[in-house]
């Protein structure tokens, strides 16, 4: 299963890049970064997401009902 469209050049990407890579709505992406176990970090008012760890998080949480296409 392909979870994102291109390989990131940086280990972490900004919120908007993450949203586009995974083809998520603004609402869904914002809810994800607010989950404590999701691999994101907030610096000031910006969120940064570790893409590799996010993919692992999605795979791990599929069993719990998190579904991504």
C-alpha atoms as a PDB file:
ATOM      1  CA  UNK A   1       0.000   0.000   0.000  1.00  0.00           C
ATOM      2  CA  UNK A   2       1.395   3.397  -0.985  1.00  0.00           C
ATOM      3  CA  UNK A   3       0.775   5.917   1.768  1.00  0.00           C
ATOM      4  CA  UNK A   4       2.415   8.996   0.323  1.00  0.00           C
ATOM      5  CA  UNK A   5       3.227  10.219  -3.145  1.00  0.00           C
ATOM      6  CA  UNK A   6       6.874  11.266  -2.971  1.00  0.00           C
ATOM      7  CA  UNK A   7       9.854  10.602  -0.769  1.00  0.00           C
ATOM      8  CA  UNK A   8      10.645  13.546   1.499  1.00  0.00           C
ATOM      9  CA  UNK A   9      14.049  15.207   1.276  1.00  0.00           C
ATOM     10  CA  UNK A  10      13.927  16.165   4.958  1.00  0.00           C
ATOM     11  CA  UNK A  11      13.161  13.858   7.879  1.00  0.00           C
ATOM     12  CA  UNK A  12      10.401  16.243   8.964  1.00  0.00           C
ATOM     13  CA  UNK A  13       7.988  18.175   6.808  1.00  0.00           C
ATOM     14  CA  UNK A  14       5.712  21.109   7.513  1.00  0.00           C
ATOM     15  CA  UNK A  15       2.021  20.598   8.127  1.00  0.00           C
ATOM     16  CA  UNK A  16       0.892  21.617   4.616  1.00  0.00           C
ATOM     17  CA  UNK A  17       3.422  19.324   2.936  1.00  0.00           C
ATOM     18  CA  UNK A  18       2.292  16.442   5.132  1.00  0.00           C
ATOM     19  CA  UNK A  19      -1.355  17.130   4.313  1.00  0.00           C
ATOM     20  CA  UNK A  20      -0.617  17.077   0.574  1.00  0.00           C
ATOM     21  CA  UNK A  21       1.638  13.998   0.718  1.00  0.00           C
ATOM     22  CA  UNK A  22      -1.061  11.924   2.383  1.00  0.00           C
ATOM     23  CA  UNK A  23      -3.963  13.581   0.568  1.00  0.00           C
ATOM     24  CA  UNK A  24      -5.679  14.571   3.829  1.00  0.00           C
ATOM     25  CA  UNK A  25      -8.255  17.243   4.496  1.00  0.00           C
ATOM     26  CA  UNK A  26      -7.307  20.145   6.767  1.00  0.00           C
ATOM     27  CA  UNK A  27      -9.661  18.796   9.439  1.00  0.00           C
ATOM     28  CA  UNK A  28      -8.204  15.278   9.412  1.00  0.00           C
ATOM     29  CA  UNK A  29      -4.580  16.442   9.376  1.00  0.00           C
ATOM     30  CA  UNK A  30      -5.162  18.833  12.297  1.00  0.00           C
ATOM     31  CA  UNK A  31      -6.813  16.082  14.326  1.00  0.00           C
ATOM     32  CA  UNK A  32      -3.885  13.748  13.655  1.00  0.00           C
ATOM     33  CA  UNK A  33      -1.167  16.160  14.794  1.00  0.00           C
ATOM     34  CA  UNK A  34      -3.057  16.743  18.023  1.00  0.00           C
ATOM     35  CA  UNK A  35      -2.962  13.046  18.980  1.00  0.00           C
ATOM     36  CA  UNK A  36      -0.284  12.560  21.646  1.00  0.00           C
ATOM     37  CA  UNK A  37       1.156   9.398  20.111  1.00  0.00           C
ATOM     38  CA  UNK A  38       1.348  10.830  16.573  1.00  0.00           C
ATOM     39  CA  UNK A  39       4.945  11.729  15.528  1.00  0.00           C
ATOM     40  CA  UNK A  40       4.583  15.488  15.235  1.00  0.00           C
ATOM     41  CA  UNK A  41       6.203  18.378  17.003  1.00  0.00           C
ATOM     42  CA  UNK A  42       4.882  21.871  17.496  1.00  0.00           C
ATOM     43  CA  UNK A  43       7.367  24.733  17.328  1.00  0.00           C
ATOM     44  CA  UNK A  44       5.642  28.016  18.009  1.00  0.00           C
ATOM     45  CA  UNK A  45       2.485  27.912  15.954  1.00  0.00           C
ATOM     46  CA  UNK A  46       3.813  25.442  13.346  1.00  0.00           C
ATOM     47  CA  UNK A  47       3.596  21.668  13.282  1.00  0.00           C
ATOM     48  CA  UNK A  48       6.313  19.451  11.828  1.00  0.00           C
ATOM     49  CA  UNK A  49       5.739  15.769  11.088  1.00  0.00           C
ATOM     50  CA  UNK A  50       8.306  12.974  10.857  1.00  0.00           C
ATOM     51  CA  UNK A  51       7.096  11.201   7.697  1.00  0.00           C
ATOM     52  CA  UNK A  52       8.798   7.837   8.252  1.00  0.00           C
ATOM     53  CA  UNK A  53       7.477   7.581  11.787  1.00  0.00           C
ATOM     54  CA  UNK A  54       4.038   8.721  10.606  1.00  0.00           C
ATOM     55  CA  UNK A  55       3.916   5.826   8.125  1.00  0.00           C
ATOM     56  CA  UNK A  56       4.840   3.437  10.936  1.00  0.00           C
ATOM     57  CA  UNK A  57       2.164   5.039  13.147  1.00  0.00           C
ATOM     58  CA  UNK A  58      -0.487   4.546  10.442  1.00  0.00           C
ATOM     59  CA  UNK A  59       0.453   0.875  10.001  1.00  0.00           C
ATOM     60  CA  UNK A  60       0.473   0.243  13.741  1.00  0.00           C
ATOM     61  CA  UNK A  61      -2.874   1.949  14.290  1.00  0.00           C
ATOM     62  CA  UNK A  62      -4.711   0.324  11.368  1.00  0.00           C
ATOM     63  CA  UNK A  63      -5.645  -2.435  13.784  1.00  0.00           C
ATOM     64  CA  UNK A  64      -7.306   0.145  16.021  1.00  0.00           C
ATOM     65  CA  UNK A  65      -9.551   1.446  13.253  1.00  0.00           C
ATOM     66  CA  UNK A  66      -7.343   4.103  11.631  1.00  0.00           C
ATOM     67  CA  UNK A  67      -7.808   3.543   7.891  1.00  0.00           C
ATOM     68  CA  UNK A  68      -5.905   5.297   5.118  1.00  0.00           C
ATOM     69  CA  UNK A  69      -6.001   4.658   1.383  1.00  0.00           C
END
